């Protein structure tokens, strides 16, 4: 990537967890630039997490790249999806923070989830992992193609839209403290909340089409011809730093980028098998049902962590009776069917295991 600064000047270091926001019309090369930034981070020994590709699996194109041959790669899929591929695969609930140190390229792609709703719900766990990163040696460059997807994902686990927006802004604002660089894109400048623009290190403009720049950025036309911003070649961009430096840039064509009509699953040799749809917790008046993933968390806490029912209830914000009910439900299913269908469809480790421990503390929790 080459940048010539025409006002001010900056040094873009790929050893720093910067936030890049790319704006432009469809087909302007936003995704290709996000991928190129990822290559620059990989060159420096850092890792990438590519989230929220289009439903046609655009971000699986990394598997066609030379990077997939030289770097350790992990595919992340829905908890009710089995993936057959030549690369390592993990269900999203089994991804650990140490995987970001172990792997160089981590891909969570939309076709690897049974529904878009499942993807938004389950991928929220990956962003939650970011919050827990207290120290770091290498940067995680997180690619979010269409920034609104990050909001929708947070909305799935937040109480309301206001909370979801606050969580998204918090993640972007605190990303550098967690060693997370962010590459996001969207169609137009006004799609970005002012609170997000305020914490973006670099705004990058691709072809703007008929929309042009908003009024508060009209000063850029004093440096760049308006017609040049409307139909910019895909390999070119305009970059604006947080300090107000303005530059013109170019980057090489991504040869391995997914083609418009390409069946990417076929191209990279991935086969999928989908299980039953996961049931999520739902609020009914003052009561919230226990969803499949919470059921698994209860069984894991009981069997793996050896917690009492009362302790599990305290951690989960549930009564010990509710916890006991889930354990009984698990055991009854195994007696009846030889497996727990809830644990099986949501990828639980103990779907064949009877949850029973002979401890007096567990008699009621």
Protein backbone atom coordinates (compact mmCIF):
# COMPACT_ATOMS: atom_id res chain seq x y z
CA UNK A 1 0.00 0.00 0.00
CA UNK A 2 1.36 3.39 -1.00
CA UNK A 3 0.11 6.71 0.38
CA UNK A 4 1.13 10.19 -0.74
CA UNK A 5 0.14 12.83 1.80
CA UNK A 6 -1.18 16.08 0.28
CA UNK A 7 -2.00 17.72 3.61
CA UNK A 8 -0.01 16.95 6.73
CA UNK A 9 1.49 13.50 7.02
CA UNK A 10 1.25 10.26 8.98
CA UNK A 11 3.18 7.05 9.52
CA UNK A 12 0.83 4.07 9.36
CA UNK A 13 2.36 1.36 11.52
CA UNK A 14 1.10 -2.19 11.22
CA UNK A 15 2.55 -2.89 14.63
CA UNK A 16 -0.18 -0.65 16.08
CA UNK A 17 -3.86 -1.62 16.69
CA UNK A 18 -5.39 1.08 14.52
CA UNK A 19 -9.06 1.36 13.53
CA UNK A 20 -9.75 1.79 9.81
CA UNK A 21 -13.20 2.72 8.48
CA UNK A 22 -13.67 2.34 4.72
CA UNK A 23 -16.56 4.04 2.94
CA UNK A 24 -17.71 3.59 -0.64
CA UNK A 25 -20.43 2.39 -2.96
CA UNK A 26 -20.92 -1.27 -3.84
CA UNK A 27 -18.19 -2.65 -6.04
CA UNK A 28 -15.72 0.09 -5.13
CA UNK A 29 -13.15 -2.32 -3.68
CA UNK A 30 -13.82 -1.91 0.06
CA UNK A 31 -13.47 -5.62 0.83
CA UNK A 32 -10.28 -5.93 -1.21
CA UNK A 33 -8.70 -3.07 0.75
CA UNK A 34 -9.75 -4.66 4.05
CA UNK A 35 -8.05 -7.86 2.88
CA UNK A 36 -4.90 -6.01 1.85
CA UNK A 37 -4.67 -4.37 5.27
CA UNK A 38 -4.97 -7.89 6.69
CA UNK A 39 -2.03 -8.99 4.53
CA UNK A 40 0.05 -6.13 5.91
CA UNK A 41 -0.70 -7.22 9.48
CA UNK A 42 0.12 -10.84 8.61
CA UNK A 43 3.45 -9.73 7.13
CA UNK A 44 4.31 -8.22 10.52
CA UNK A 45 3.55 -11.48 12.34
CA UNK A 46 0.09 -10.57 13.65
CA UNK A 47 -3.18 -12.49 13.28
CA UNK A 48 -6.50 -11.73 11.60
CA UNK A 49 -10.09 -12.57 12.50
CA UNK A 50 -12.36 -12.12 9.49
CA UNK A 51 -15.99 -11.73 10.61
CA UNK A 52 -19.28 -11.14 8.84
CA UNK A 53 -18.53 -11.80 5.22
CA UNK A 54 -21.43 -11.68 2.81
CA UNK A 55 -23.82 -14.64 2.76
CA UNK A 56 -21.98 -16.03 -0.28
CA UNK A 57 -18.87 -16.63 1.86
CA UNK A 58 -16.71 -13.81 0.55
CA UNK A 59 -14.23 -14.05 3.43
CA UNK A 60 -13.54 -17.75 2.73
CA UNK A 61 -11.40 -16.52 -0.17
CA UNK A 62 -8.50 -16.34 2.31
CA UNK A 63 -8.35 -20.12 1.86
CA UNK A 64 -7.36 -19.59 -1.80
CA UNK A 65 -4.60 -17.17 -0.88
CA UNK A 66 -0.89 -17.96 -0.46
CA UNK A 67 -1.36 -17.04 3.21
CA UNK A 68 -3.43 -20.17 3.83
CA UNK A 69 -0.43 -22.26 2.76
CA UNK A 70 2.09 -20.52 5.01
CA UNK A 71 -0.07 -19.53 7.98
CA UNK A 72 -2.03 -21.62 10.48
CA UNK A 73 -5.74 -21.25 9.73
CA UNK A 74 -8.89 -21.92 11.76
CA UNK A 75 -12.46 -22.03 10.46
CA UNK A 76 -15.12 -21.04 13.02
CA UNK A 77 -18.62 -22.43 12.48
CA UNK A 78 -22.01 -22.51 14.17
CA UNK A 79 -22.52 -24.84 17.10
CA UNK A 80 -25.01 -26.93 15.11
CA UNK A 81 -22.88 -27.18 11.96
CA UNK A 82 -20.34 -29.83 10.98
CA UNK A 83 -17.63 -28.69 8.56
CA UNK A 84 -15.43 -31.02 6.52
CA UNK A 85 -12.31 -29.19 5.34
CA UNK A 86 -8.53 -29.53 5.17
CA UNK A 87 -8.10 -26.77 7.75
CA UNK A 88 -8.73 -26.88 11.49
CA UNK A 89 -12.38 -26.27 12.45
CA UNK A 90 -13.99 -25.24 15.74
CA UNK A 91 -17.59 -24.59 16.76
CA UNK A 92 -17.87 -21.01 17.93
CA UNK A 93 -18.63 -21.95 21.56
CA UNK A 94 -15.33 -23.87 21.74
CA UNK A 95 -13.11 -21.02 20.57
CA UNK A 96 -10.74 -19.90 23.33
CA UNK A 97 -8.74 -16.72 23.77
CA UNK A 98 -5.51 -18.68 23.26
CA UNK A 99 -6.67 -19.60 19.74
CA UNK A 100 -5.85 -16.03 18.70
CA UNK A 101 -2.22 -16.72 19.61
CA UNK A 102 -2.18 -20.24 18.17
CA UNK A 103 -3.69 -19.37 14.77
CA UNK A 104 -2.72 -16.69 12.25
CA UNK A 105 -5.96 -16.60 10.23
CA UNK A 106 -9.34 -17.17 11.87
CA UNK A 107 -12.43 -17.04 9.65
CA UNK A 108 -16.05 -16.90 10.78
CA UNK A 109 -18.04 -17.01 7.56
CA UNK A 110 -21.78 -16.70 7.07
CA UNK A 111 -22.26 -20.00 5.13
CA UNK A 112 -20.82 -21.83 8.15
CA UNK A 113 -23.93 -20.91 10.20
CA UNK A 114 -27.40 -22.33 9.68
CA UNK A 115 -29.10 -18.91 9.52
CA UNK A 116 -28.03 -15.22 9.62
CA UNK A 117 -29.79 -14.98 13.00
CA UNK A 118 -27.63 -17.84 14.31
CA UNK A 119 -24.53 -16.09 13.04
CA UNK A 120 -25.34 -12.79 14.75
CA UNK A 121 -26.22 -14.56 17.99
CA UNK A 122 -23.19 -16.84 18.13
CA UNK A 123 -20.53 -14.49 16.81
CA UNK A 124 -21.27 -12.12 19.69
CA UNK A 125 -19.30 -14.60 21.77
CA UNK A 126 -16.17 -13.86 19.73
CA UNK A 127 -16.40 -10.15 20.40
CA UNK A 128 -17.00 -10.95 24.07
CA UNK A 129 -13.67 -12.80 24.04
CA UNK A 130 -11.99 -9.58 22.93
CA UNK A 131 -13.10 -7.90 26.16
CA UNK A 132 -11.19 -10.54 28.16
CA UNK A 133 -7.85 -9.90 26.47
CA UNK A 134 -5.96 -8.27 29.32
CA UNK A 135 -2.48 -8.49 27.75
CA UNK A 136 -1.17 -9.25 24.28
CA UNK A 137 1.95 -9.93 22.25
CA UNK A 138 0.46 -9.86 18.77
CA UNK A 139 -2.29 -7.74 17.29
CA UNK A 140 -5.59 -9.27 16.19
CA UNK A 141 -6.80 -7.48 13.07
CA UNK A 142 -10.58 -7.93 13.04
CA UNK A 143 -12.36 -7.46 9.70
CA UNK A 144 -16.04 -6.51 9.83
CA UNK A 145 -17.55 -6.25 6.35
CA UNK A 146 -20.48 -3.86 6.77
CA UNK A 147 -20.19 -2.30 10.19
CA UNK A 148 -23.91 -2.60 10.95
CA UNK A 149 -23.40 -6.36 11.31
CA UNK A 150 -21.41 -5.71 14.45
CA UNK A 151 -24.36 -3.73 15.84
CA UNK A 152 -26.87 -6.48 14.94
CA UNK A 153 -24.65 -9.06 16.62
CA UNK A 154 -24.46 -7.01 19.83
CA UNK A 155 -28.23 -6.45 19.64
CA UNK A 156 -28.77 -10.22 19.86
CA UNK A 157 -27.19 -10.34 23.32
CA UNK A 158 -27.98 -6.84 24.61
CA UNK A 159 -31.16 -5.77 26.39
CA UNK A 160 -32.07 -3.12 23.80
CA UNK A 161 -30.76 -1.05 20.88
CA UNK A 162 -29.23 1.57 23.15
CA UNK A 163 -27.22 -1.07 25.02
CA UNK A 164 -26.16 -2.73 21.76
CA UNK A 165 -24.94 0.59 20.36
CA UNK A 166 -23.06 1.34 23.59
CA UNK A 167 -21.39 -2.09 23.52
CA UNK A 168 -20.33 -1.61 19.89
CA UNK A 169 -18.85 1.82 20.60
CA UNK A 170 -17.12 0.46 23.70
CA UNK A 171 -15.50 -2.33 21.69
CA UNK A 172 -14.22 0.10 19.06
CA UNK A 173 -13.04 2.65 21.64
CA UNK A 174 -11.25 0.08 23.80
CA UNK A 175 -9.92 -2.07 20.95
CA UNK A 176 -6.39 -0.69 21.10
CA UNK A 177 -6.14 -1.54 24.80
CA UNK A 178 -6.94 -5.16 23.94
CA UNK A 179 -4.46 -5.34 21.06
CA UNK A 180 -7.27 -5.34 18.50
CA UNK A 181 -7.03 -3.50 15.20
CA UNK A 182 -10.34 -3.04 13.41
CA UNK A 183 -11.12 -2.84 9.72
CA UNK A 184 -14.74 -1.91 9.04
CA UNK A 185 -16.63 -0.79 5.98
CA UNK A 186 -19.98 0.73 5.15
CA UNK A 187 -21.67 2.38 2.19
CA UNK A 188 -21.84 6.00 3.28
CA UNK A 189 -20.38 8.45 5.79
CA UNK A 190 -23.72 9.20 7.43
CA UNK A 191 -24.11 5.49 8.30
CA UNK A 192 -21.40 5.95 10.93
CA UNK A 193 -22.43 7.24 14.33
CA UNK A 194 -20.49 10.33 15.42
CA UNK A 195 -19.26 8.45 18.50
CA UNK A 196 -17.67 5.84 16.23
CA UNK A 197 -16.11 8.40 13.87
CA UNK A 198 -14.53 10.07 16.90
CA UNK A 199 -12.47 6.96 17.75
CA UNK A 200 -11.51 5.98 14.19
CA UNK A 201 -7.81 6.40 13.41
CA UNK A 202 -8.20 6.44 9.63
CA UNK A 203 -11.23 7.16 7.45
CA UNK A 204 -10.67 5.73 3.98
CA UNK A 205 -12.84 6.81 1.06
CA UNK A 206 -13.36 4.70 -2.01
CA UNK A 207 -15.65 5.68 -4.91
CA UNK A 208 -18.50 7.79 -3.49
CA UNK A 209 -20.86 7.64 -6.49
CA UNK A 210 -23.60 10.27 -6.61
CA UNK A 211 -23.58 10.73 -2.82
CA UNK A 212 -20.32 12.68 -2.63
CA UNK A 213 -18.86 13.92 0.63
CA UNK A 214 -21.09 15.32 3.40
CA UNK A 215 -21.00 19.03 4.16
CA UNK A 216 -18.45 18.78 6.98
CA UNK A 217 -15.97 17.10 4.60
CA UNK A 218 -16.50 19.38 1.59
CA UNK A 219 -13.08 20.91 2.28
CA UNK A 220 -11.55 17.77 0.73
CA UNK A 221 -12.72 19.06 -2.67
CA UNK A 222 -10.10 21.77 -2.27
CA UNK A 223 -7.47 19.03 -2.66
CA UNK A 224 -9.24 16.42 -4.82
CA UNK A 225 -11.35 16.98 -7.94
CA UNK A 226 -15.05 16.12 -7.22
CA UNK A 227 -15.36 13.92 -10.31
CA UNK A 228 -12.38 11.85 -9.13
CA UNK A 229 -14.27 10.87 -5.98
CA UNK A 230 -17.37 9.76 -7.86
CA UNK A 231 -15.75 7.08 -10.05
CA UNK A 232 -12.49 6.16 -8.36
CA UNK A 233 -10.68 3.05 -9.68
CA UNK A 234 -10.94 0.12 -7.23
CA UNK A 235 -7.19 0.21 -6.49
CA UNK A 236 -7.25 3.87 -5.39
CA UNK A 237 -8.47 5.57 -2.22
CA UNK A 238 -8.44 8.80 -0.23
CA UNK A 239 -7.33 8.57 3.40
CA UNK A 240 -8.06 10.98 6.25
CA UNK A 241 -6.33 10.58 9.60
CA UNK A 242 -7.64 11.46 13.05
CA UNK A 243 -5.23 14.43 13.12
CA UNK A 244 -6.57 15.79 9.83
CA UNK A 245 -3.83 14.63 7.46
CA UNK A 246 -5.12 13.90 3.96
CA UNK A 247 -3.58 11.50 1.50
CA UNK A 248 -4.07 9.71 -1.81
CA UNK A 249 -3.32 6.00 -1.89
CA UNK A 250 -3.14 2.90 -4.02
CA UNK A 251 -2.93 -0.82 -3.27
CA UNK A 252 -2.33 -3.91 -5.42
CA UNK A 253 -5.16 -6.03 -6.77
CA UNK A 254 -6.04 -8.99 -4.55
CA UNK A 255 -5.63 -11.88 -6.98
CA UNK A 256 -7.35 -14.38 -4.69
CA UNK A 257 -10.41 -12.22 -3.92
CA UNK A 258 -13.74 -14.03 -4.41
CA UNK A 259 -15.27 -13.53 -7.83
CA UNK A 260 -18.89 -12.39 -8.12
CA UNK A 261 -20.43 -15.69 -9.29
CA UNK A 262 -17.90 -18.03 -7.73
CA UNK A 263 -19.10 -20.89 -5.54
CA UNK A 264 -16.48 -20.40 -2.86
CA UNK A 265 -17.40 -23.56 -0.90
CA UNK A 266 -16.73 -25.62 -4.02
CA UNK A 267 -13.55 -23.69 -4.84
CA UNK A 268 -11.94 -24.38 -1.46
CA UNK A 269 -13.40 -27.88 -0.97
CA UNK A 270 -15.62 -27.32 2.07
CA UNK A 271 -18.60 -29.58 2.82
CA UNK A 272 -21.27 -28.68 5.37
CA UNK A 273 -23.85 -30.59 7.38
CA UNK A 274 -26.44 -28.66 9.37
CA UNK A 275 -28.08 -29.91 12.56
CA UNK A 276 -31.33 -28.81 14.15
CA UNK A 277 -31.79 -25.09 14.68
CA UNK A 278 -30.53 -23.86 18.05
CA UNK A 279 -33.13 -22.48 20.44
CA UNK A 280 -32.13 -19.26 22.18
CA UNK A 281 -33.32 -17.76 25.46
CA UNK A 282 -36.50 -15.70 25.08
CA UNK A 283 -38.19 -13.27 27.43
CA UNK A 284 -41.81 -13.98 28.30
CA UNK A 285 -43.03 -11.22 30.54
CA UNK A 286 -40.83 -11.24 33.64
CA UNK A 287 -39.49 -14.74 32.89
CA UNK A 288 -36.68 -15.66 30.49
CA UNK A 289 -36.60 -19.18 29.08
CA UNK A 290 -33.42 -21.24 29.26
CA UNK A 291 -31.94 -21.49 25.76
CA UNK A 292 -29.79 -24.29 24.38
CA UNK A 293 -26.49 -22.51 24.95
CA UNK A 294 -27.37 -21.67 28.55
CA UNK A 295 -28.38 -25.31 29.08
CA UNK A 296 -24.92 -26.38 27.91
CA UNK A 297 -23.25 -23.81 30.18
CA UNK A 298 -25.17 -25.23 33.15
CA UNK A 299 -24.19 -28.82 32.32
CA UNK A 300 -20.55 -27.80 31.76
CA UNK A 301 -20.41 -25.89 35.04
CA UNK A 302 -21.89 -28.88 36.87
CA UNK A 303 -19.70 -31.58 35.32
CA UNK A 304 -16.46 -29.78 34.37
CA UNK A 305 -16.19 -27.06 37.00
CA UNK A 306 -17.86 -29.17 39.74
CA UNK A 307 -20.00 -26.22 40.85
CA UNK A 308 -23.04 -26.76 43.03
CA UNK A 309 -26.49 -25.96 41.71
CA UNK A 310 -26.70 -22.95 44.00
CA UNK A 311 -23.33 -21.61 42.77
CA UNK A 312 -24.35 -22.13 39.13
CA UNK A 313 -27.64 -20.36 39.78
CA UNK A 314 -25.83 -17.40 41.31
CA UNK A 315 -23.45 -17.11 38.37
CA UNK A 316 -26.26 -17.43 35.80
CA UNK A 317 -28.78 -15.29 37.66
CA UNK A 318 -31.12 -18.27 38.01
CA UNK A 319 -32.68 -20.08 40.94
CA UNK A 320 -31.13 -23.38 42.03
CA UNK A 321 -34.48 -24.99 41.17
CA UNK A 322 -34.13 -23.79 37.55
CA UNK A 323 -30.59 -25.19 37.40
CA UNK A 324 -31.77 -28.50 38.85
CA UNK A 325 -34.57 -28.58 36.27
CA UNK A 326 -32.04 -28.32 33.43
CA UNK A 327 -29.88 -31.09 34.90
CA UNK A 328 -32.95 -33.30 35.34
CA UNK A 329 -34.02 -32.52 31.77
CA UNK A 330 -30.57 -33.53 30.52
CA UNK A 331 -30.58 -36.79 32.49
CA UNK A 332 -34.16 -37.70 31.55
CA UNK A 333 -33.32 -37.25 27.85
CA UNK A 334 -30.33 -39.59 28.12
CA UNK A 335 -32.45 -42.22 29.92
CA UNK A 336 -35.12 -41.89 27.23
CA UNK A 337 -33.01 -41.49 24.06
CA UNK A 338 -29.41 -42.30 25.09
CA UNK A 339 -28.39 -38.70 24.34
CA UNK A 340 -29.39 -35.12 25.19
CA UNK A 341 -30.79 -33.52 22.00
CA UNK A 342 -30.25 -30.01 23.38
CA UNK A 343 -26.54 -30.60 23.97
CA UNK A 344 -26.16 -32.41 20.65
CA UNK A 345 -27.74 -29.74 18.43
CA UNK A 346 -25.83 -26.94 20.16
CA UNK A 347 -22.46 -28.72 20.16
CA UNK A 348 -22.23 -29.65 23.84
CA UNK A 349 -19.46 -32.02 24.93
CA UNK A 350 -21.64 -34.02 27.35
CA UNK A 351 -24.58 -34.98 25.11
CA UNK A 352 -23.96 -38.68 25.88
CA UNK A 353 -23.01 -38.23 29.53
CA UNK A 354 -25.37 -38.59 32.47
CA UNK A 355 -25.03 -35.53 34.73
CA UNK A 356 -24.87 -37.17 38.13
CA UNK A 357 -22.54 -36.55 41.04
CA UNK A 358 -23.07 -38.10 44.46
CA UNK A 359 -22.54 -35.02 46.57
CA UNK A 360 -24.85 -33.95 49.39
CA UNK A 361 -24.40 -30.33 48.34
CA UNK A 362 -26.22 -31.11 45.09
CA UNK A 363 -29.35 -32.53 46.66
CA UNK A 364 -31.07 -29.16 46.21
CA UNK A 365 -28.10 -26.96 45.32
